[in-house]
Amino acid sequence: MKAKPKIEVCFTPQAYPLFHNPNAIVVVIDILRATSAITTAFFNGVSKMIPVATIEEAKTYLDKGYLVAAERNGELVEGFDLGNSPFGYMNAKVKGKTIAITTTNGTQAIEAARGASKIIIGSFLNMDAVITYLKEEKKDVLFVCAGWKNKFNLEDTLFAGAITHELVYKHHFDTTCDSALAGLHLYTLAKGDLFGFLANSSHRNRLSKLNLERDIKYCLTPNQCPVIPIMEGKYLVKL
């Protein structure tokens, strides 16, 4: 009998080398807000995105005339076109464009997972699309949570738990990974009210102080953007 595909969850980019699996599809998660912004961008017609780890590299794309998004500590970096609010990507100026992007956590997670055979972008916004894709691929899955500056965070783990819940209970996947089980149990507790469950979480409070409650609510609302961004070389493109 063929072994079931297995699921693992890596809580921070720094831990990625401990989980690297050449056969796994990596799902990078930064719910608040990078992967939500990237998913929204492709849903609104962006052609390609170039994730980069540093502000310095982002500046080189700015100098070449690209649209460039840069965020640090929840705020737009001065001198750049966009931050990582999903609402910044809901307009005609992004349609058909290639946008370089650097963020505090999300693009660091992508960078950490560069050695993976396949990387896709996950968020609550494209949750069902991600579930459908993974169940059809029938491969091992590794969720890489962006966390906050290499520390654990709740919202990314909840998303990993949500997908783990679906794949294990409905689609013949398996896990003996304690971090995947932790995510699954946390999601079971939180699923009735994700926003309320995160009331005391560090990043929700960090963004609330920046008056970004609207962003938080949007990023926690499932299935608004049924597209899957996937890495092809240095580019993210729409699957």
C-alpha atoms as a PDB file:
ATOM      1  CA  MET A   1       0.000   0.000   0.000  1.00  0.00           C
ATOM      2  CA  LYS A   2       1.346   3.414  -0.985  1.00  0.00           C
ATOM      3  CA  ALA A   3       2.322   5.613   1.966  1.00  0.00           C
ATOM      4  CA  LYS A   4       0.104   8.622   2.589  1.00  0.00           C
ATOM      5  CA  PRO A   5       1.639  12.026   1.857  1.00  0.00           C
ATOM      6  CA  LYS A   6       2.916  13.580   5.075  1.00  0.00           C
ATOM      7  CA  ILE A   7       2.489  17.073   6.473  1.00  0.00           C
ATOM      8  CA  GLU A   8       4.990  19.046   8.525  1.00  0.00           C
ATOM      9  CA  VAL A   9       4.881  22.599   9.866  1.00  0.00           C
ATOM     10  CA  CYS A  10       7.969  24.753  10.344  1.00  0.00           C
ATOM     11  CA  PHE A  11       7.167  27.612  12.739  1.00  0.00           C
ATOM     12  CA  THR A  12       9.935  30.022  11.625  1.00  0.00           C
ATOM     13  CA  PRO A  13      12.175  30.544   8.564  1.00  0.00           C
ATOM     14  CA  GLN A  14      15.268  30.010  10.723  1.00  0.00           C
ATOM     15  CA  ALA A  15      14.154  26.415  11.421  1.00  0.00           C
ATOM     16  CA  TYR A  16      13.700  25.563   7.724  1.00  0.00           C
ATOM     17  CA  PRO A  17      16.932  23.499   7.377  1.00  0.00           C
ATOM     18  CA  LEU A  18      15.594  21.114  10.057  1.00  0.00           C
ATOM     19  CA  PHE A  19      12.520  20.387   7.907  1.00  0.00           C
ATOM     20  CA  HIS A  20      13.847  20.524   4.328  1.00  0.00           C
ATOM     21  CA  ASN A  21      12.305  17.704   2.309  1.00  0.00           C
ATOM     22  CA  PRO A  22      13.256  17.536  -1.398  1.00  0.00           C
ATOM     23  CA  ASN A  23       9.954  15.792  -2.169  1.00  0.00           C
ATOM     24  CA  ALA A  24       7.678  18.288  -0.407  1.00  0.00           C
ATOM     25  CA  ILE A  25       5.631  21.160  -1.755  1.00  0.00           C
ATOM     26  CA  VAL A  26       6.468  24.147   0.435  1.00  0.00           C
ATOM     27  CA  VAL A  27       3.601  26.474   1.337  1.00  0.00           C
ATOM     28  CA  VAL A  28       4.950  29.824   2.567  1.00  0.00           C
ATOM     29  CA  ILE A  29       2.599  31.603   4.978  1.00  0.00           C
ATOM     30  CA  ASP A  30       2.640  35.205   6.214  1.00  0.00           C
ATOM     31  CA  ILE A  31      -1.021  35.890   6.948  1.00  0.00           C
ATOM     32  CA  LEU A  32      -0.483  39.424   8.320  1.00  0.00           C
ATOM     33  CA  ARG A  33       0.282  40.465   5.635  1.00  0.00           C
ATOM     34  CA  ALA A  34       2.811  39.495   2.949  1.00  0.00           C
ATOM     35  CA  THR A  35       1.281  36.323   1.525  1.00  0.00           C
ATOM     36  CA  SER A  36      -2.187  37.890   1.742  1.00  0.00           C
ATOM     37  CA  ALA A  37      -0.900  40.915  -0.205  1.00  0.00           C
ATOM     38  CA  ILE A  38       0.820  38.704  -2.807  1.00  0.00           C
ATOM     39  CA  THR A  39      -2.327  36.609  -3.304  1.00  0.00           C
ATOM     40  CA  THR A  40      -4.416  39.780  -3.635  1.00  0.00           C
ATOM     41  CA  ALA A  41      -1.938  41.212  -6.154  1.00  0.00           C
ATOM     42  CA  PHE A  42      -2.250  38.206  -8.474  1.00  0.00           C
ATOM     43  CA  PHE A  43      -6.023  38.180  -8.109  1.00  0.00           C
ATOM     44  CA  ASN A  44      -5.971  41.804  -9.293  1.00  0.00           C
ATOM     45  CA  GLY A  45      -3.900  41.115 -12.382  1.00  0.00           C
ATOM     46  CA  VAL A  46      -0.243  41.460 -11.387  1.00  0.00           C
ATOM     47  CA  SER A  47       1.867  39.581 -13.940  1.00  0.00           C
ATOM     48  CA  LYS A  48       4.917  38.621 -11.826  1.00  0.00           C
ATOM     49  CA  MET A  49       6.444  39.427  -8.457  1.00  0.00           C
ATOM     50  CA  ILE A  50      10.100  39.244  -7.450  1.00  0.00           C
ATOM     51  CA  PRO A  51      10.497  38.530  -3.729  1.00  0.00           C
ATOM     52  CA  VAL A  52      13.782  39.847  -2.316  1.00  0.00           C
ATOM     53  CA  ALA A  53      15.141  39.640   1.212  1.00  0.00           C
ATOM     54  CA  THR A  54      16.774  43.062   1.628  1.00  0.00           C
ATOM     55  CA  ILE A  55      15.910  46.739   1.198  1.00  0.00           C
ATOM     56  CA  GLU A  56      19.206  47.149  -0.699  1.00  0.00           C
ATOM     57  CA  GLU A  57      18.191  44.581  -3.315  1.00  0.00           C
ATOM     58  CA  ALA A  58      14.733  46.161  -3.556  1.00  0.00           C
ATOM     59  CA  LYS A  59      16.420  49.511  -4.307  1.00  0.00           C
ATOM     60  CA  THR A  60      18.237  47.997  -7.289  1.00  0.00           C
ATOM     61  CA  TYR A  61      14.841  47.170  -8.823  1.00  0.00           C
ATOM     62  CA  LEU A  62      13.607  50.679  -8.055  1.00  0.00           C
ATOM     63  CA  ASP A  63      16.621  52.044  -9.941  1.00  0.00           C
ATOM     64  CA  LYS A  64      15.718  49.843 -12.922  1.00  0.00           C
ATOM     65  CA  GLY A  65      12.238  51.378 -13.047  1.00  0.00           C
ATOM     66  CA  TYR A  66      10.215  48.530 -11.525  1.00  0.00           C
ATOM     67  CA  LEU A  67       7.246  49.068  -9.225  1.00  0.00           C
ATOM     68  CA  VAL A  68       8.673  48.080  -5.831  1.00  0.00           C
ATOM     69  CA  ALA A  69       6.955  47.201  -2.557  1.00  0.00           C
ATOM     70  CA  ALA A  70       8.917  47.482   0.688  1.00  0.00           C
ATOM     71  CA  GLU A  71       7.694  47.053   4.276  1.00  0.00           C
ATOM     72  CA  ARG A  72       9.506  46.941   7.589  1.00  0.00           C
ATOM     73  CA  ASN A  73       7.881  46.680  11.024  1.00  0.00           C
ATOM     74  CA  GLY A  74       4.398  46.969   9.507  1.00  0.00           C
ATOM     75  CA  GLU A  75       5.059  50.238   7.666  1.00  0.00           C
ATOM     76  CA  LEU A  76       5.823  51.302   4.095  1.00  0.00           C
ATOM     77  CA  VAL A  77       9.530  52.044   3.668  1.00  0.00           C
ATOM     78  CA  GLU A  78       9.988  55.638   2.560  1.00  0.00           C
ATOM     79  CA  GLY A  79      10.759  56.069  -1.125  1.00  0.00           C
ATOM     80  CA  PHE A  80       8.999  52.903  -2.331  1.00  0.00           C
ATOM     81  CA  ASP A  81       5.750  52.560  -4.294  1.00  0.00           C
ATOM     82  CA  LEU A  82       3.842  50.073  -2.133  1.00  0.00           C
ATOM     83  CA  GLY A  83       3.905  48.415   1.277  1.00  0.00           C
ATOM     84  CA  ASN A  84       2.349  45.078   2.129  1.00  0.00           C
ATOM     85  CA  SER A  85      -1.235  46.123   2.708  1.00  0.00           C
ATOM     86  CA  PRO A  86      -3.434  44.010   0.420  1.00  0.00           C
ATOM     87  CA  PHE A  87      -5.523  47.119  -0.293  1.00  0.00           C
ATOM     88  CA  GLY A  88      -2.531  48.656  -2.083  1.00  0.00           C
ATOM     89  CA  TYR A  89      -2.883  45.998  -4.788  1.00  0.00           C
ATOM     90  CA  MET A  90      -6.563  46.526  -5.498  1.00  0.00           C
ATOM     91  CA  ASN A  91      -6.148  49.058  -8.281  1.00  0.00           C
ATOM     92  CA  ALA A  92      -5.536  49.229 -11.999  1.00  0.00           C
ATOM     93  CA  LYS A  93      -1.938  50.454 -11.710  1.00  0.00           C
ATOM     94  CA  VAL A  94      -0.707  46.955 -10.756  1.00  0.00           C
ATOM     95  CA  LYS A  95      -2.416  45.098 -13.628  1.00  0.00           C
ATOM     96  CA  GLY A  96       0.070  43.444 -15.973  1.00  0.00           C
ATOM     97  CA  LYS A  97       3.037  44.715 -13.953  1.00  0.00           C
ATOM     98  CA  THR A  98       6.084  42.978 -12.502  1.00  0.00           C
ATOM     99  CA  ILE A  99       6.553  44.099  -8.899  1.00  0.00           C
ATOM    100  CA  ALA A 100       9.589  43.499  -6.686  1.00  0.00           C
ATOM    101  CA  ILE A 101       8.700  43.043  -3.014  1.00  0.00           C
ATOM    102  CA  THR A 102      10.544  42.890   0.306  1.00  0.00           C
ATOM    103  CA  THR A 103       8.875  42.508   3.705  1.00  0.00           C
ATOM    104  CA  THR A 104       9.912  42.023   7.322  1.00  0.00           C
ATOM    105  CA  ASN A 105       8.970  38.343   7.426  1.00  0.00           C
ATOM    106  CA  GLY A 106       7.245  36.919   4.351  1.00  0.00           C
ATOM    107  CA  THR A 107      10.027  37.381   1.814  1.00  0.00           C
ATOM    108  CA  GLN A 108      12.514  36.077   4.400  1.00  0.00           C
ATOM    109  CA  ALA A 109      10.489  32.846   4.561  1.00  0.00           C
ATOM    110  CA  ILE A 110      10.546  32.562   0.758  1.00  0.00           C
ATOM    111  CA  GLU A 111      14.305  33.149   0.813  1.00  0.00           C
ATOM    112  CA  ALA A 112      14.799  30.462   3.490  1.00  0.00           C
ATOM    113  CA  ALA A 113      12.888  27.900   1.396  1.00  0.00           C
ATOM    114  CA  ARG A 114      14.703  28.589  -1.895  1.00  0.00           C
ATOM    115  CA  GLY A 115      16.107  25.049  -1.917  1.00  0.00           C
ATOM    116  CA  ALA A 116      12.621  23.529  -2.120  1.00  0.00           C
ATOM    117  CA  SER A 117      11.509  21.788  -5.310  1.00  0.00           C
ATOM    118  CA  LYS A 118       8.220  23.723  -5.356  1.00  0.00           C
ATOM    119  CA  ILE A 119       7.072  26.806  -3.424  1.00  0.00           C
ATOM    120  CA  ILE A 120       3.521  28.152  -3.383  1.00  0.00           C
ATOM    121  CA  ILE A 121       2.002  31.062  -1.466  1.00  0.00           C
ATOM    122  CA  GLY A 122      -0.743  30.388   1.073  1.00  0.00           C
ATOM    123  CA  SER A 123      -3.198  32.652   2.869  1.00  0.00           C
ATOM    124  CA  PHE A 124      -6.763  32.466   4.145  1.00  0.00           C
ATOM    125  CA  LEU A 125      -7.676  34.421   0.998  1.00  0.00           C
ATOM    126  CA  ASN A 126      -6.813  31.454  -1.256  1.00  0.00           C
ATOM    127  CA  MET A 127      -7.384  28.662   1.270  1.00  0.00           C
ATOM    128  CA  ASP A 128      -9.692  26.389  -0.758  1.00  0.00           C
ATOM    129  CA  ALA A 129      -7.539  26.795  -3.881  1.00  0.00           C
ATOM    130  CA  VAL A 130      -4.478  25.682  -1.876  1.00  0.00           C
ATOM    131  CA  ILE A 131      -6.370  22.676  -0.442  1.00  0.00           C
ATOM    132  CA  THR A 132      -7.531  21.618  -3.927  1.00  0.00           C
ATOM    133  CA  TYR A 133      -4.020  21.953  -5.359  1.00  0.00           C
ATOM    134  CA  LEU A 134      -2.357  19.964  -2.562  1.00  0.00           C
ATOM    135  CA  LYS A 135      -4.903  17.149  -2.608  1.00  0.00           C
ATOM    136  CA  GLU A 136      -4.495  16.812  -6.390  1.00  0.00           C
ATOM    137  CA  GLU A 137      -0.685  16.820  -6.223  1.00  0.00           C
ATOM    138  CA  LYS A 138      -0.673  14.083  -3.521  1.00  0.00           C
ATOM    139  CA  LYS A 139       2.849  15.017  -2.377  1.00  0.00           C
ATOM    140  CA  ASP A 140       4.373  15.689   1.030  1.00  0.00           C
ATOM    141  CA  VAL A 141       3.592  19.200   2.284  1.00  0.00           C
ATOM    142  CA  LEU A 142       5.783  21.502   4.362  1.00  0.00           C
ATOM    143  CA  PHE A 143       4.199  24.681   5.708  1.00  0.00           C
ATOM    144  CA  VAL A 144       6.788  27.383   6.365  1.00  0.00           C
ATOM    145  CA  CYS A 145       5.426  30.066   8.691  1.00  0.00           C
ATOM    146  CA  ALA A 146       7.044  33.477   8.365  1.00  0.00           C
ATOM    147  CA  GLY A 147       6.480  34.235  12.065  1.00  0.00           C
ATOM    148  CA  TRP A 148       7.794  37.554  13.358  1.00  0.00           C
ATOM    149  CA  LYS A 149      11.546  38.089  13.053  1.00  0.00           C
ATOM    150  CA  ASN A 150      12.153  34.356  13.468  1.00  0.00           C
ATOM    151  CA  LYS A 151       9.804  34.055  16.439  1.00  0.00           C
ATOM    152  CA  PHE A 152       6.641  31.931  16.499  1.00  0.00           C
ATOM    153  CA  ASN A 153       3.350  33.620  15.694  1.00  0.00           C
ATOM    154  CA  LEU A 154      -0.246  32.461  16.004  1.00  0.00           C
ATOM    155  CA  GLU A 155      -1.855  33.554  12.749  1.00  0.00           C
ATOM    156  CA  ASP A 156       0.512  31.669  10.415  1.00  0.00           C
ATOM    157  CA  THR A 157       0.225  28.544  12.567  1.00  0.00           C
ATOM    158  CA  LEU A 158      -3.595  28.777  12.477  1.00  0.00           C
ATOM    159  CA  PHE A 159      -3.548  28.736   8.685  1.00  0.00           C
ATOM    160  CA  ALA A 160      -1.178  25.752   8.621  1.00  0.00           C
ATOM    161  CA  GLY A 161      -3.546  24.062  11.082  1.00  0.00           C
ATOM    162  CA  ALA A 162      -6.586  24.833   8.925  1.00  0.00           C
ATOM    163  CA  ILE A 163      -5.083  23.156   5.860  1.00  0.00           C
ATOM    164  CA  THR A 164      -3.691  20.253   7.914  1.00  0.00           C
ATOM    165  CA  HIS A 165      -7.190  19.705   9.336  1.00  0.00           C
ATOM    166  CA  GLU A 166      -8.708  19.435   5.846  1.00  0.00           C
ATOM    167  CA  LEU A 167      -5.988  17.258   4.353  1.00  0.00           C
ATOM    168  CA  VAL A 168      -5.728  14.812   7.264  1.00  0.00           C
ATOM    169  CA  TYR A 169      -9.442  14.359   7.946  1.00  0.00           C
ATOM    170  CA  LYS A 170     -10.790  14.526   4.395  1.00  0.00           C
ATOM    171  CA  HIS A 171      -8.035  13.784   1.873  1.00  0.00           C
ATOM    172  CA  HIS A 172      -5.859  10.896   3.122  1.00  0.00           C
ATOM    173  CA  PHE A 173      -2.804  12.855   4.248  1.00  0.00           C
ATOM    174  CA  ASP A 174      -0.963  11.964   7.432  1.00  0.00           C
ATOM    175  CA  THR A 175       1.071  13.723  10.098  1.00  0.00           C
ATOM    176  CA  THR A 176       3.089  12.714  13.125  1.00  0.00           C
ATOM    177  CA  CYS A 177       4.704  16.172  13.261  1.00  0.00           C
ATOM    178  CA  ASP A 178       4.063  17.807  16.640  1.00  0.00           C
ATOM    179  CA  SER A 179       4.045  21.332  15.174  1.00  0.00           C
ATOM    180  CA  ALA A 180       1.434  20.269  12.570  1.00  0.00           C
ATOM    181  CA  LEU A 181      -0.680  18.706  15.324  1.00  0.00           C
ATOM    182  CA  ALA A 182      -0.323  21.861  17.436  1.00  0.00           C
ATOM    183  CA  GLY A 183      -1.499  23.969  14.500  1.00  0.00           C
ATOM    184  CA  LEU A 184      -4.432  21.635  13.886  1.00  0.00           C
ATOM    185  CA  HIS A 185      -5.560  21.808  17.530  1.00  0.00           C
ATOM    186  CA  LEU A 186      -5.145  25.589  17.665  1.00  0.00           C
ATOM    187  CA  TYR A 187      -7.239  25.952  14.505  1.00  0.00           C
ATOM    188  CA  THR A 188      -9.958  23.738  16.009  1.00  0.00           C
ATOM    189  CA  LEU A 189     -10.120  26.156  18.957  1.00  0.00           C
ATOM    190  CA  ALA A 190     -10.005  29.303  16.818  1.00  0.00           C
ATOM    191  CA  LYS A 191     -12.034  28.523  13.694  1.00  0.00           C
ATOM    192  CA  GLY A 192     -15.301  30.010  14.974  1.00  0.00           C
ATOM    193  CA  ASP A 193     -13.716  33.456  15.423  1.00  0.00           C
ATOM    194  CA  LEU A 194     -10.169  33.862  14.101  1.00  0.00           C
ATOM    195  CA  PHE A 195     -10.215  37.625  14.684  1.00  0.00           C
ATOM    196  CA  GLY A 196     -11.269  37.218  18.312  1.00  0.00           C
ATOM    197  CA  PHE A 197      -8.847  34.360  18.921  1.00  0.00           C
ATOM    198  CA  LEU A 198      -5.971  36.635  17.869  1.00  0.00           C
ATOM    199  CA  ALA A 199      -7.120  39.526  20.106  1.00  0.00           C
ATOM    200  CA  ASN A 200      -4.029  39.395  22.310  1.00  0.00           C
ATOM    201  CA  SER A 201      -1.563  38.185  19.678  1.00  0.00           C
ATOM    202  CA  SER A 202       1.580  40.208  19.101  1.00  0.00           C
ATOM    203  CA  HIS A 203       1.158  41.026  15.419  1.00  0.00           C
ATOM    204  CA  ARG A 204      -2.532  41.823  15.599  1.00  0.00           C
ATOM    205  CA  ASN A 205      -1.696  44.338  18.342  1.00  0.00           C
ATOM    206  CA  ARG A 206       1.290  45.663  16.414  1.00  0.00           C
ATOM    207  CA  LEU A 207      -0.880  46.323  13.346  1.00  0.00           C
ATOM    208  CA  SER A 208      -3.791  47.656  15.416  1.00  0.00           C
ATOM    209  CA  LYS A 209      -1.478  50.378  16.768  1.00  0.00           C
ATOM    210  CA  LEU A 210      -0.830  51.343  13.140  1.00  0.00           C
ATOM    211  CA  ASN A 211      -4.614  51.585  12.519  1.00  0.00           C
ATOM    212  CA  LEU A 212      -4.602  48.504  10.294  1.00  0.00           C
ATOM    213  CA  GLU A 213      -7.639  46.674  11.711  1.00  0.00           C
ATOM    214  CA  ARG A 214      -9.223  46.659   8.243  1.00  0.00           C
ATOM    215  CA  ASP A 215      -6.186  44.810   6.880  1.00  0.00           C
ATOM    216  CA  ILE A 216      -6.370  42.238   9.685  1.00  0.00           C
ATOM    217  CA  LYS A 217     -10.067  41.499   9.108  1.00  0.00           C
ATOM    218  CA  TYR A 218      -9.549  41.183   5.353  1.00  0.00           C
ATOM    219  CA  CYS A 219      -6.550  38.831   5.764  1.00  0.00           C
ATOM    220  CA  LEU A 220      -8.571  36.516   8.034  1.00  0.00           C
ATOM    221  CA  THR A 221     -11.555  36.212   5.648  1.00  0.00           C
ATOM    222  CA  PRO A 222     -11.293  32.980   3.630  1.00  0.00           C
ATOM    223  CA  ASN A 223     -11.502  32.478  -0.111  1.00  0.00           C
ATOM    224  CA  GLN A 224     -11.669  36.003  -1.467  1.00  0.00           C
ATOM    225  CA  CYS A 225      -8.879  35.444  -4.019  1.00  0.00           C
ATOM    226  CA  PRO A 226      -8.966  31.932  -5.540  1.00  0.00           C
ATOM    227  CA  VAL A 227      -5.501  32.070  -7.161  1.00  0.00           C
ATOM    228  CA  ILE A 228      -2.212  30.367  -6.265  1.00  0.00           C
ATOM    229  CA  PRO A 229       1.088  32.225  -6.660  1.00  0.00           C
ATOM    230  CA  ILE A 230       3.977  29.820  -7.352  1.00  0.00           C
ATOM    231  CA  MET A 231       7.733  30.337  -7.619  1.00  0.00           C
ATOM    232  CA  GLU A 232       9.291  29.904 -11.073  1.00  0.00           C
ATOM    233  CA  GLY A 233      12.969  30.744 -10.894  1.00  0.00           C
ATOM    234  CA  LYS A 234      13.256  34.150  -9.231  1.00  0.00           C
ATOM    235  CA  TYR A 235       9.653  35.065 -10.036  1.00  0.00           C
ATOM    236  CA  LEU A 236       6.327  34.446  -8.408  1.00  0.00           C
ATOM    237  CA  VAL A 237       3.687  33.832 -11.079  1.00  0.00           C
ATOM    238  CA  LYS A 238       0.039  32.801 -11.070  1.00  0.00           C
ATOM    239  CA  LEU A 239      -0.368  29.016 -11.261  1.00  0.00           C
END
